[in-house]
Amino acid sequence: MAIWNRRKPKAASKYPVPLTTHQLWMVSLSAPVSRDRDASRTTLYPFTRIDDEKARRWLADQWEITSRDALVGRLDDLSRTGYRTRARLRLGFEPLAWDAGLYVDISRRGFACGMLSEAEAWTALKNIVPAVVRSYASWNEYAEHYLLGRMVWRDNLQGTPDANFPAPQAASDAHLKSLLDPANKASPWNLAPWEAISHPDHAR
């Protein structure tokens, strides 16, 4: 069998309906989180190709999430307090963007491995939107707080077994710069401008 016949099917072939502008905006909250080459930033499914097992392994390895109850509990924690409460002691404010990005990323992976239905995943994403819209007025502001939250999280890993786990801050900085670049036509932040979530939804 030819090697290309063994490749996993594209996510777009299983979920062919393009996202509306509001849906893309919600998915885009997790755009800073994954820099993997196979990450999808324009579908609810988190990868460009169907790989449910990868989503399941990632949730188990990175978050110790192995059940629906554990997933729901983690999402509840991120929506209520997350890492931002601890970050407040250092920054003087709570960087919601870091928790929001993780919340959406985990929701999408939970959908990918069947812990959440598609409808439940969209409901989860909708739940985080009001707090994000109240907190920020642009993708630039969101990106700035995401980076600050990530910085505090990385620093808190010093002296632990996970100290060498995260990618260097420079890698995250470069990824955010690319997402914010007006010339990057593939950036979901350019495809779904920040103000779009405050206007009526429409097909793209």
N, C-alpha and C. Protein backbone atom coordinates (compact mmCIF):
# COMPACT_ATOMS: atom_id res chain seq x y z
N MET A 1 0.85 -1.20 0.00
CA MET A 1 0.00 0.00 0.00
C MET A 1 0.88 1.24 0.00
N ALA A 2 0.53 2.19 -0.85
CA ALA A 2 1.31 3.43 -0.91
C ALA A 2 1.19 4.19 0.41
N ILE A 3 2.26 4.87 0.76
CA ILE A 3 2.30 5.53 2.07
C ILE A 3 1.21 6.57 2.21
N TRP A 4 0.85 7.25 1.11
CA TRP A 4 -0.18 8.30 1.23
C TRP A 4 -1.55 7.73 1.52
N ASN A 5 -1.74 6.44 1.26
CA ASN A 5 -3.03 5.82 1.56
C ASN A 5 -3.18 5.50 3.04
N ARG A 6 -2.05 5.56 3.77
CA ARG A 6 -2.11 5.27 5.21
C ARG A 6 -2.24 6.53 6.04
N ARG A 7 -2.25 7.67 5.40
CA ARG A 7 -2.37 8.92 6.15
C ARG A 7 -3.78 9.06 6.71
N LYS A 8 -3.85 9.67 7.87
CA LYS A 8 -5.15 9.88 8.50
C LYS A 8 -5.97 10.87 7.67
N PRO A 9 -7.30 10.71 7.67
CA PRO A 9 -8.13 11.63 6.88
C PRO A 9 -8.06 13.06 7.42
N LYS A 10 -8.25 14.00 6.53
CA LYS A 10 -8.25 15.40 6.94
C LYS A 10 -9.47 15.70 7.80
N ALA A 11 -9.27 16.54 8.80
CA ALA A 11 -10.39 16.92 9.68
C ALA A 11 -11.50 17.59 8.89
N ALA A 12 -11.11 18.38 7.88
CA ALA A 12 -12.11 19.10 7.09
C ALA A 12 -13.01 18.15 6.30
N SER A 13 -12.53 16.92 6.03
CA SER A 13 -13.37 15.97 5.30
C SER A 13 -14.44 15.37 6.21
N LYS A 14 -14.16 15.31 7.50
CA LYS A 14 -15.14 14.78 8.46
C LYS A 14 -16.06 15.88 8.96
N TYR A 15 -15.56 17.10 9.03
CA TYR A 15 -16.34 18.25 9.49
C TYR A 15 -16.27 19.33 8.41
N PRO A 16 -16.99 19.13 7.30
CA PRO A 16 -16.80 19.98 6.12
C PRO A 16 -17.43 21.36 6.18
N VAL A 17 -18.39 21.60 7.06
CA VAL A 17 -19.07 22.90 7.08
C VAL A 17 -18.13 23.95 7.68
N PRO A 18 -17.82 25.01 6.95
CA PRO A 18 -16.93 26.05 7.50
C PRO A 18 -17.53 26.68 8.75
N LEU A 19 -16.67 27.07 9.66
CA LEU A 19 -17.13 27.73 10.87
C LEU A 19 -17.70 29.11 10.54
N THR A 20 -18.68 29.53 11.31
CA THR A 20 -19.15 30.91 11.20
C THR A 20 -18.08 31.82 11.81
N THR A 21 -18.26 33.11 11.65
CA THR A 21 -17.28 34.05 12.20
C THR A 21 -17.19 33.94 13.71
N HIS A 22 -18.32 33.82 14.39
CA HIS A 22 -18.30 33.68 15.86
C HIS A 22 -17.62 32.38 16.28
N GLN A 23 -17.89 31.30 15.57
CA GLN A 23 -17.27 30.03 15.91
C GLN A 23 -15.76 30.09 15.73
N LEU A 24 -15.32 30.69 14.62
CA LEU A 24 -13.88 30.81 14.40
C LEU A 24 -13.25 31.69 15.47
N TRP A 25 -13.93 32.75 15.86
CA TRP A 25 -13.41 33.63 16.91
C TRP A 25 -13.20 32.84 18.20
N MET A 26 -14.19 32.02 18.57
CA MET A 26 -14.07 31.24 19.81
C MET A 26 -12.93 30.24 19.72
N VAL A 27 -12.84 29.53 18.60
CA VAL A 27 -11.75 28.57 18.41
C VAL A 27 -10.40 29.29 18.48
N SER A 28 -10.36 30.52 17.97
CA SER A 28 -9.12 31.28 17.89
C SER A 28 -8.57 31.69 19.25
N LEU A 29 -9.36 31.58 20.29
CA LEU A 29 -8.85 31.87 21.63
C LEU A 29 -7.72 30.91 22.00
N SER A 30 -7.70 29.73 21.39
CA SER A 30 -6.65 28.76 21.69
C SER A 30 -5.50 28.82 20.68
N ALA A 31 -5.55 29.75 19.74
CA ALA A 31 -4.51 29.83 18.71
C ALA A 31 -3.09 29.96 19.28
N PRO A 32 -2.89 30.66 20.40
CA PRO A 32 -1.52 30.77 20.92
C PRO A 32 -0.99 29.48 21.54
N VAL A 33 -1.86 28.56 21.91
CA VAL A 33 -1.45 27.42 22.74
C VAL A 33 -0.59 26.43 21.99
N SER A 34 -1.06 25.98 20.84
CA SER A 34 -0.36 24.93 20.12
C SER A 34 0.37 25.49 18.90
N ARG A 35 1.67 25.22 18.88
CA ARG A 35 2.47 25.65 17.73
C ARG A 35 2.81 24.46 16.82
N ASP A 36 2.21 23.31 17.10
CA ASP A 36 2.50 22.11 16.30
C ASP A 36 2.12 22.32 14.84
N ARG A 37 2.85 21.68 13.96
CA ARG A 37 2.59 21.83 12.53
C ARG A 37 1.25 21.23 12.14
N ASP A 38 0.78 20.24 12.93
CA ASP A 38 -0.49 19.60 12.58
C ASP A 38 -1.69 20.23 13.28
N ALA A 39 -1.47 21.35 13.97
CA ALA A 39 -2.57 22.02 14.67
C ALA A 39 -3.49 22.71 13.66
N SER A 40 -4.79 22.61 13.90
CA SER A 40 -5.76 23.34 13.08
C SER A 40 -6.27 24.52 13.89
N ARG A 41 -6.29 25.68 13.28
CA ARG A 41 -6.77 26.88 13.96
C ARG A 41 -8.05 27.41 13.35
N THR A 42 -8.64 26.64 12.41
CA THR A 42 -9.87 27.10 11.76
C THR A 42 -10.98 26.06 11.82
N THR A 43 -10.83 25.04 12.67
CA THR A 43 -11.87 24.04 12.87
C THR A 43 -12.02 23.79 14.37
N LEU A 44 -13.17 23.28 14.77
CA LEU A 44 -13.32 22.90 16.17
C LEU A 44 -12.38 21.75 16.50
N TYR A 45 -12.22 20.82 15.55
CA TYR A 45 -11.28 19.72 15.75
C TYR A 45 -9.87 20.30 15.82
N PRO A 46 -9.04 19.89 16.80
CA PRO A 46 -7.78 20.59 17.04
C PRO A 46 -6.63 20.29 16.09
N PHE A 47 -6.78 19.26 15.25
CA PHE A 47 -5.70 18.87 14.34
C PHE A 47 -6.18 18.94 12.89
N THR A 48 -5.24 19.07 11.98
CA THR A 48 -5.60 19.12 10.56
C THR A 48 -6.05 17.75 10.06
N ARG A 49 -5.59 16.69 10.71
CA ARG A 49 -6.01 15.34 10.36
C ARG A 49 -6.59 14.63 11.58
N ILE A 50 -7.53 13.75 11.36
CA ILE A 50 -8.21 13.06 12.46
C ILE A 50 -7.22 12.19 13.24
N ASP A 51 -7.09 12.46 14.51
CA ASP A 51 -6.18 11.70 15.37
C ASP A 51 -6.73 11.74 16.80
N ASP A 52 -7.84 11.04 17.01
CA ASP A 52 -8.49 11.06 18.32
C ASP A 52 -7.56 10.56 19.42
N GLU A 53 -6.74 9.56 19.10
CA GLU A 53 -5.86 8.99 20.12
C GLU A 53 -4.80 9.99 20.58
N LYS A 54 -4.34 10.83 19.66
CA LYS A 54 -3.38 11.86 20.05
C LYS A 54 -3.99 12.81 21.06
N ALA A 55 -5.24 13.20 20.83
CA ALA A 55 -5.92 14.08 21.77
C ALA A 55 -6.07 13.41 23.13
N ARG A 56 -6.42 12.12 23.11
CA ARG A 56 -6.60 11.38 24.36
C ARG A 56 -5.28 11.28 25.15
N ARG A 57 -4.19 10.98 24.43
CA ARG A 57 -2.88 10.87 25.08
C ARG A 57 -2.45 12.20 25.66
N TRP A 58 -2.66 13.27 24.91
CA TRP A 58 -2.24 14.58 25.36
C TRP A 58 -2.96 14.99 26.64
N LEU A 59 -4.27 14.77 26.68
CA LEU A 59 -5.03 15.11 27.88
C LEU A 59 -4.55 14.30 29.09
N ALA A 60 -4.25 13.03 28.86
CA ALA A 60 -3.78 12.17 29.95
C ALA A 60 -2.38 12.57 30.41
N ASP A 61 -1.48 12.80 29.46
CA ASP A 61 -0.08 13.07 29.80
C ASP A 61 0.13 14.46 30.37
N GLN A 62 -0.53 15.45 29.79
CA GLN A 62 -0.28 16.83 30.19
C GLN A 62 -1.19 17.32 31.31
N TRP A 63 -2.40 16.75 31.41
CA TRP A 63 -3.37 17.24 32.36
C TRP A 63 -3.92 16.17 33.31
N GLU A 64 -3.48 14.93 33.12
CA GLU A 64 -4.00 13.81 33.92
C GLU A 64 -5.52 13.70 33.79
N ILE A 65 -6.02 14.03 32.60
CA ILE A 65 -7.45 13.93 32.30
C ILE A 65 -7.69 12.62 31.56
N THR A 66 -8.38 11.70 32.20
CA THR A 66 -8.64 10.40 31.58
C THR A 66 -10.13 10.06 31.58
N SER A 67 -10.95 11.00 31.98
CA SER A 67 -12.39 10.75 32.00
C SER A 67 -13.13 12.05 31.74
N ARG A 68 -14.39 11.91 31.40
CA ARG A 68 -15.22 13.09 31.17
C ARG A 68 -15.33 13.93 32.44
N ASP A 69 -15.50 13.28 33.59
CA ASP A 69 -15.62 14.02 34.85
C ASP A 69 -14.37 14.85 35.13
N ALA A 70 -13.20 14.25 34.87
CA ALA A 70 -11.95 14.98 35.09
C ALA A 70 -11.84 16.16 34.14
N LEU A 71 -12.29 15.97 32.91
CA LEU A 71 -12.27 17.06 31.92
C LEU A 71 -13.17 18.20 32.36
N VAL A 72 -14.39 17.89 32.73
CA VAL A 72 -15.34 18.91 33.16
C VAL A 72 -14.82 19.65 34.39
N GLY A 73 -14.21 18.91 35.31
CA GLY A 73 -13.65 19.54 36.50
C GLY A 73 -12.53 20.50 36.18
N ARG A 74 -11.67 20.12 35.25
CA ARG A 74 -10.57 21.00 34.86
C ARG A 74 -11.08 22.25 34.17
N LEU A 75 -12.07 22.10 33.30
CA LEU A 75 -12.64 23.26 32.63
C LEU A 75 -13.29 24.21 33.63
N ASP A 76 -13.97 23.64 34.61
CA ASP A 76 -14.61 24.46 35.64
C ASP A 76 -13.56 25.26 36.42
N ASP A 77 -12.44 24.61 36.74
CA ASP A 77 -11.37 25.29 37.47
C ASP A 77 -10.78 26.43 36.64
N LEU A 78 -10.51 26.17 35.34
CA LEU A 78 -9.94 27.20 34.49
C LEU A 78 -10.89 28.38 34.30
N SER A 79 -12.18 28.10 34.25
CA SER A 79 -13.15 29.18 34.05
C SER A 79 -13.33 30.03 35.31
N ARG A 80 -13.13 29.43 36.47
CA ARG A 80 -13.37 30.14 37.73
C ARG A 80 -12.13 30.85 38.27
N THR A 81 -11.02 30.12 38.35
CA THR A 81 -9.81 30.69 38.95
C THR A 81 -8.57 30.42 38.10
N GLY A 82 -8.35 29.15 37.75
CA GLY A 82 -7.21 28.79 36.92
C GLY A 82 -5.88 29.22 37.51
N TYR A 83 -4.98 29.60 36.61
CA TYR A 83 -3.65 30.05 37.03
C TYR A 83 -3.63 31.54 37.34
N ARG A 84 -4.64 32.25 36.88
CA ARG A 84 -4.60 33.71 36.98
C ARG A 84 -4.66 34.21 38.42
N THR A 85 -5.29 33.45 39.31
CA THR A 85 -5.35 33.87 40.71
C THR A 85 -3.96 33.92 41.32
N ARG A 86 -3.16 32.89 41.03
CA ARG A 86 -1.78 32.88 41.53
C ARG A 86 -0.93 33.94 40.86
N ALA A 87 -1.18 34.17 39.56
CA ALA A 87 -0.40 35.17 38.83
C ALA A 87 -0.64 36.57 39.37
N ARG A 88 -1.80 36.79 39.97
CA ARG A 88 -2.13 38.13 40.49
C ARG A 88 -1.14 38.58 41.56
N LEU A 89 -0.62 37.65 42.34
CA LEU A 89 0.33 37.99 43.40
C LEU A 89 1.59 38.62 42.82
N ARG A 90 1.95 38.20 41.61
CA ARG A 90 3.16 38.73 40.98
C ARG A 90 2.89 39.91 40.07
N LEU A 91 1.79 39.85 39.34
CA LEU A 91 1.53 40.86 38.32
C LEU A 91 0.65 42.01 38.80
N GLY A 92 -0.15 41.74 39.83
CA GLY A 92 -1.08 42.77 40.31
C GLY A 92 -2.41 42.74 39.57
N PHE A 93 -2.55 41.83 38.63
CA PHE A 93 -3.81 41.62 37.91
C PHE A 93 -3.87 40.16 37.47
N GLU A 94 -5.03 39.75 36.98
CA GLU A 94 -5.22 38.35 36.62
C GLU A 94 -5.26 38.20 35.09
N PRO A 95 -4.24 37.56 34.51
CA PRO A 95 -4.20 37.39 33.05
C PRO A 95 -5.14 36.28 32.58
N LEU A 96 -6.39 36.63 32.38
CA LEU A 96 -7.40 35.67 31.97
C LEU A 96 -7.04 34.97 30.66
N ALA A 97 -6.34 35.66 29.77
CA ALA A 97 -6.07 35.10 28.44
C ALA A 97 -5.35 33.76 28.51
N TRP A 98 -4.42 33.61 29.45
CA TRP A 98 -3.70 32.34 29.57
C TRP A 98 -4.67 31.21 29.90
N ASP A 99 -5.54 31.42 30.87
CA ASP A 99 -6.52 30.39 31.25
C ASP A 99 -7.54 30.16 30.13
N ALA A 100 -7.95 31.22 29.45
CA ALA A 100 -8.94 31.09 28.38
C ALA A 100 -8.37 30.26 27.23
N GLY A 101 -7.10 30.52 26.88
CA GLY A 101 -6.47 29.74 25.82
C GLY A 101 -6.41 28.27 26.16
N LEU A 102 -6.02 27.96 27.40
CA LEU A 102 -5.96 26.56 27.83
C LEU A 102 -7.35 25.94 27.86
N TYR A 103 -8.33 26.70 28.33
CA TYR A 103 -9.71 26.22 28.43
C TYR A 103 -10.24 25.80 27.07
N VAL A 104 -10.03 26.64 26.06
CA VAL A 104 -10.53 26.32 24.72
C VAL A 104 -9.75 25.16 24.12
N ASP A 105 -8.44 25.14 24.35
CA ASP A 105 -7.62 24.04 23.83
C ASP A 105 -8.06 22.70 24.41
N ILE A 106 -8.28 22.66 25.71
CA ILE A 106 -8.71 21.41 26.36
C ILE A 106 -10.10 21.02 25.89
N SER A 107 -10.98 21.98 25.72
CA SER A 107 -12.33 21.68 25.23
C SER A 107 -12.27 21.03 23.84
N ARG A 108 -11.44 21.58 22.96
CA ARG A 108 -11.33 21.05 21.61
C ARG A 108 -10.75 19.63 21.62
N ARG A 109 -9.76 19.39 22.46
CA ARG A 109 -9.17 18.05 22.54
C ARG A 109 -10.15 17.08 23.19
N GLY A 110 -10.95 17.57 24.14
CA GLY A 110 -11.97 16.73 24.73
C GLY A 110 -13.01 16.31 23.70
N PHE A 111 -13.34 17.23 22.81
CA PHE A 111 -14.24 16.90 21.71
C PHE A 111 -13.59 15.88 20.78
N ALA A 112 -12.30 16.07 20.48
CA ALA A 112 -11.61 15.18 19.55
C ALA A 112 -11.59 13.73 20.02
N CYS A 113 -11.47 13.53 21.33
CA CYS A 113 -11.39 12.14 21.81
C CYS A 113 -12.71 11.63 22.36
N GLY A 114 -13.80 12.38 22.15
CA GLY A 114 -15.13 11.88 22.49
C GLY A 114 -15.59 12.12 23.91
N MET A 115 -14.84 12.88 24.69
CA MET A 115 -15.28 13.18 26.06
C MET A 115 -16.37 14.25 26.06
N LEU A 116 -16.41 15.06 25.01
CA LEU A 116 -17.45 16.05 24.83
C LEU A 116 -18.06 15.86 23.45
N SER A 117 -19.37 16.03 23.34
CA SER A 117 -20.00 16.02 22.02
C SER A 117 -19.68 17.35 21.34
N GLU A 118 -19.97 17.44 20.07
CA GLU A 118 -19.72 18.69 19.36
C GLU A 118 -20.55 19.82 19.97
N ALA A 119 -21.81 19.54 20.28
CA ALA A 119 -22.67 20.57 20.88
C ALA A 119 -22.15 20.99 22.26
N GLU A 120 -21.68 20.03 23.05
CA GLU A 120 -21.14 20.35 24.37
C GLU A 120 -19.87 21.18 24.26
N ALA A 121 -19.04 20.88 23.27
CA ALA A 121 -17.81 21.65 23.08
C ALA A 121 -18.12 23.10 22.73
N TRP A 122 -19.09 23.31 21.84
CA TRP A 122 -19.46 24.68 21.50
C TRP A 122 -20.05 25.41 22.70
N THR A 123 -20.84 24.71 23.51
CA THR A 123 -21.40 25.33 24.71
C THR A 123 -20.28 25.74 25.66
N ALA A 124 -19.29 24.88 25.81
CA ALA A 124 -18.15 25.20 26.67
C ALA A 124 -17.43 26.45 26.18
N LEU A 125 -17.21 26.54 24.87
CA LEU A 125 -16.52 27.70 24.33
C LEU A 125 -17.35 28.97 24.52
N LYS A 126 -18.66 28.87 24.33
CA LYS A 126 -19.52 30.04 24.50
C LYS A 126 -19.48 30.54 25.95
N ASN A 127 -19.30 29.62 26.89
CA ASN A 127 -19.31 30.00 28.30
C ASN A 127 -18.16 30.91 28.69
N ILE A 128 -17.03 30.80 27.97
CA ILE A 128 -15.87 31.61 28.34
C ILE A 128 -15.88 32.97 27.66
N VAL A 129 -16.69 33.14 26.63
CA VAL A 129 -16.67 34.36 25.82
C VAL A 129 -16.98 35.63 26.61
N PRO A 130 -18.05 35.67 27.41
CA PRO A 130 -18.36 36.94 28.10
C PRO A 130 -17.22 37.48 28.95
N ALA A 131 -16.55 36.62 29.69
CA ALA A 131 -15.44 37.09 30.54
C ALA A 131 -14.29 37.61 29.69
N VAL A 132 -14.01 36.95 28.57
CA VAL A 132 -12.92 37.40 27.70
C VAL A 132 -13.25 38.75 27.08
N VAL A 133 -14.48 38.92 26.60
CA VAL A 133 -14.88 40.17 25.96
C VAL A 133 -14.86 41.33 26.96
N ARG A 134 -15.23 41.03 28.21
CA ARG A 134 -15.19 42.07 29.25
C ARG A 134 -13.75 42.48 29.57
N SER A 135 -12.82 41.56 29.38
CA SER A 135 -11.45 41.80 29.83
C SER A 135 -10.56 42.46 28.79
N TYR A 136 -10.86 42.26 27.51
CA TYR A 136 -9.95 42.73 26.46
C TYR A 136 -10.71 43.44 25.35
N ALA A 137 -9.97 44.29 24.63
CA ALA A 137 -10.58 45.04 23.53
C ALA A 137 -9.93 44.74 22.19
N SER A 138 -8.95 43.82 22.18
CA SER A 138 -8.27 43.50 20.92
C SER A 138 -7.49 42.21 21.08
N TRP A 139 -7.14 41.63 19.94
CA TRP A 139 -6.27 40.44 19.98
C TRP A 139 -4.90 40.82 20.52
N ASN A 140 -4.46 42.04 20.31
CA ASN A 140 -3.17 42.48 20.86
C ASN A 140 -3.17 42.42 22.39
N GLU A 141 -4.24 42.93 23.00
CA GLU A 141 -4.34 42.88 24.46
C GLU A 141 -4.41 41.43 24.94
N TYR A 142 -5.20 40.63 24.24
CA TYR A 142 -5.32 39.22 24.60
C TYR A 142 -3.95 38.53 24.54
N ALA A 143 -3.21 38.79 23.46
CA ALA A 143 -1.90 38.17 23.28
C ALA A 143 -0.93 38.61 24.38
N GLU A 144 -0.98 39.88 24.74
CA GLU A 144 -0.08 40.39 25.78
C GLU A 144 -0.32 39.68 27.11
N HIS A 145 -1.58 39.54 27.49
CA HIS A 145 -1.88 38.87 28.76
C HIS A 145 -1.62 37.37 28.68
N TYR A 146 -1.81 36.79 27.50
CA TYR A 146 -1.47 35.37 27.34
C TYR A 146 0.02 35.16 27.62
N LEU A 147 0.86 36.00 27.04
CA LEU A 147 2.30 35.85 27.23
C LEU A 147 2.70 36.08 28.69
N LEU A 148 2.07 37.05 29.34
CA LEU A 148 2.38 37.30 30.75
C LEU A 148 1.96 36.11 31.61
N GLY A 149 0.79 35.55 31.34
CA GLY A 149 0.34 34.38 32.08
C GLY A 149 1.27 33.20 31.86
N ARG A 150 1.69 33.01 30.63
CA ARG A 150 2.60 31.91 30.33
C ARG A 150 3.93 32.09 31.03
N MET A 151 4.42 33.33 31.08
CA MET A 151 5.70 33.61 31.74
C MET A 151 5.64 33.24 33.22
N VAL A 152 4.57 33.63 33.89
CA VAL A 152 4.42 33.31 35.31
C VAL A 152 4.32 31.80 35.49
N TRP A 153 3.57 31.14 34.63
CA TRP A 153 3.44 29.68 34.70
C TRP A 153 4.80 29.01 34.53
N ARG A 154 5.60 29.45 33.55
CA ARG A 154 6.92 28.86 33.34
C ARG A 154 7.81 29.08 34.56
N ASP A 155 7.79 30.28 35.09
CA ASP A 155 8.65 30.57 36.24
C ASP A 155 8.27 29.71 37.44
N ASN A 156 6.99 29.41 37.58
CA ASN A 156 6.54 28.59 38.71
C ASN A 156 6.98 27.13 38.57
N LEU A 157 7.41 26.74 37.38
CA LEU A 157 7.88 25.36 37.18
C LEU A 157 9.34 25.18 37.60
N GLN A 158 10.05 26.29 37.84
CA GLN A 158 11.45 26.19 38.21
C GLN A 158 11.61 25.34 39.47
N GLY A 159 12.57 24.43 39.42
CA GLY A 159 12.82 23.56 40.57
C GLY A 159 11.92 22.35 40.64
N THR A 160 11.06 22.16 39.63
CA THR A 160 10.17 20.99 39.59
C THR A 160 10.62 20.06 38.46
N PRO A 161 10.14 18.81 38.44
CA PRO A 161 10.50 17.88 37.36
C PRO A 161 10.07 18.38 35.98
N ASP A 162 9.12 19.31 35.93
CA ASP A 162 8.62 19.81 34.65
C ASP A 162 9.32 21.09 34.19
N ALA A 163 10.40 21.45 34.85
CA ALA A 163 11.05 22.73 34.58
C ALA A 163 11.49 22.87 33.12
N ASN A 164 11.87 21.77 32.49
CA ASN A 164 12.35 21.83 31.10
C ASN A 164 11.27 21.48 30.09
N PHE A 165 10.03 21.35 30.54
CA PHE A 165 8.94 20.94 29.65
C PHE A 165 8.52 22.02 28.66
N PRO A 166 8.27 23.26 29.08
CA PRO A 166 7.71 24.23 28.13
C PRO A 166 8.73 24.65 27.08
N ALA A 167 8.22 25.06 25.93
CA ALA A 167 9.08 25.65 24.91
C ALA A 167 9.62 26.98 25.43
N PRO A 168 10.76 27.42 24.93
CA PRO A 168 11.31 28.72 25.36
C PRO A 168 10.30 29.85 25.13
N GLN A 169 10.38 30.87 25.98
CA GLN A 169 9.47 32.00 25.84
C GLN A 169 9.60 32.64 24.47
N ALA A 170 10.81 32.62 23.91
CA ALA A 170 11.03 33.22 22.60
C ALA A 170 10.18 32.56 21.53
N ALA A 171 9.97 31.25 21.65
CA ALA A 171 9.15 30.53 20.67
C ALA A 171 7.70 30.99 20.75
N SER A 172 7.21 31.17 21.97
CA SER A 172 5.84 31.65 22.15
C SER A 172 5.70 33.08 21.66
N ASP A 173 6.72 33.90 21.91
CA ASP A 173 6.70 35.29 21.45
C ASP A 173 6.60 35.34 19.92
N ALA A 174 7.40 34.53 19.25
CA ALA A 174 7.42 34.52 17.79
C ALA A 174 6.09 34.04 17.22
N HIS A 175 5.49 33.05 17.88
CA HIS A 175 4.20 32.53 17.42
C HIS A 175 3.12 33.60 17.54
N LEU A 176 3.10 34.30 18.65
CA LEU A 176 2.11 35.38 18.83
C LEU A 176 2.33 36.49 17.82
N LYS A 177 3.58 36.82 17.54
CA LYS A 177 3.88 37.86 16.57
C LYS A 177 3.34 37.48 15.20
N SER A 178 3.45 36.20 14.85
CA SER A 178 2.93 35.73 13.57
C SER A 178 1.41 35.82 13.53
N LEU A 179 0.75 35.46 14.62
CA LEU A 179 -0.71 35.53 14.66
C LEU A 179 -1.21 36.96 14.52
N LEU A 180 -0.44 37.91 15.06
CA LEU A 180 -0.84 39.31 15.05
C LEU A 180 -0.42 40.05 13.77
N ASP A 181 0.40 39.43 12.96
CA ASP A 181 0.90 40.07 11.75
C ASP A 181 -0.23 40.31 10.75
N PRO A 182 -0.54 41.56 10.41
CA PRO A 182 -1.63 41.84 9.46
C PRO A 182 -1.42 41.19 8.09
N ALA A 183 -0.18 40.90 7.75
CA ALA A 183 0.12 40.30 6.45
C ALA A 183 -0.07 38.79 6.44
N ASN A 184 -0.29 38.20 7.62
CA ASN A 184 -0.47 36.75 7.72
C ASN A 184 -1.92 36.40 7.41
N LYS A 185 -2.18 36.05 6.17
CA LYS A 185 -3.55 35.77 5.74
C LYS A 185 -4.09 34.47 6.33
N ALA A 186 -3.22 33.61 6.85
CA ALA A 186 -3.66 32.36 7.45
C ALA A 186 -3.99 32.50 8.93
N SER A 187 -3.65 33.65 9.51
CA SER A 187 -3.92 33.84 10.94
C SER A 187 -5.41 33.91 11.21
N PRO A 188 -5.92 33.08 12.13
CA PRO A 188 -7.35 33.15 12.45
C PRO A 188 -7.74 34.48 13.07
N TRP A 189 -6.76 35.19 13.64
CA TRP A 189 -7.07 36.49 14.23
C TRP A 189 -7.32 37.54 13.16
N ASN A 190 -6.78 37.32 11.97
CA ASN A 190 -7.09 38.19 10.85
C ASN A 190 -8.38 37.76 10.16
N LEU A 191 -8.66 36.46 10.18
CA LEU A 191 -9.89 35.96 9.57
C LEU A 191 -11.12 36.28 10.42
N ALA A 192 -10.92 36.36 11.73
CA ALA A 192 -12.01 36.69 12.66
C ALA A 192 -11.54 37.83 13.56
N PRO A 193 -11.66 39.06 13.12
CA PRO A 193 -11.19 40.20 13.92
C PRO A 193 -11.86 40.24 15.29
N TRP A 194 -11.19 40.86 16.24
CA TRP A 194 -11.68 40.88 17.62
C TRP A 194 -13.11 41.40 17.71
N GLU A 195 -13.42 42.47 17.01
CA GLU A 195 -14.74 43.09 17.14
C GLU A 195 -15.85 42.23 16.54
N ALA A 196 -15.50 41.19 15.78
CA ALA A 196 -16.52 40.36 15.12
C ALA A 196 -17.45 39.68 16.12
N ILE A 197 -16.93 39.34 17.30
CA ILE A 197 -17.75 38.62 18.27
C ILE A 197 -18.85 39.52 18.83
N SER A 198 -18.71 40.83 18.69
CA SER A 198 -19.71 41.78 19.20
C SER A 198 -20.75 42.16 18.14
N HIS A 199 -20.60 41.62 16.94
CA HIS A 199 -21.55 41.89 15.85
C HIS A 199 -22.32 40.61 15.53
N PRO A 200 -23.43 40.71 14.83
CA PRO A 200 -24.18 39.50 14.47
C PRO A 200 -23.31 38.48 13.74
N ASP A 201 -23.55 37.22 14.04
CA ASP A 201 -22.78 36.14 13.42
C ASP A 201 -23.15 36.01 11.94
N HIS A 202 -22.23 35.48 11.17
CA HIS A 202 -22.52 35.23 9.75
C HIS A 202 -21.60 34.16 9.22
N ALA A 203 -22.00 33.54 8.11
CA ALA A 203 -21.18 32.52 7.46
C ALA A 203 -19.96 33.17 6.86
N ARG A 204 -18.87 32.44 6.80
CA ARG A 204 -17.64 32.96 6.22
C ARG A 204 -17.49 32.49 4.77
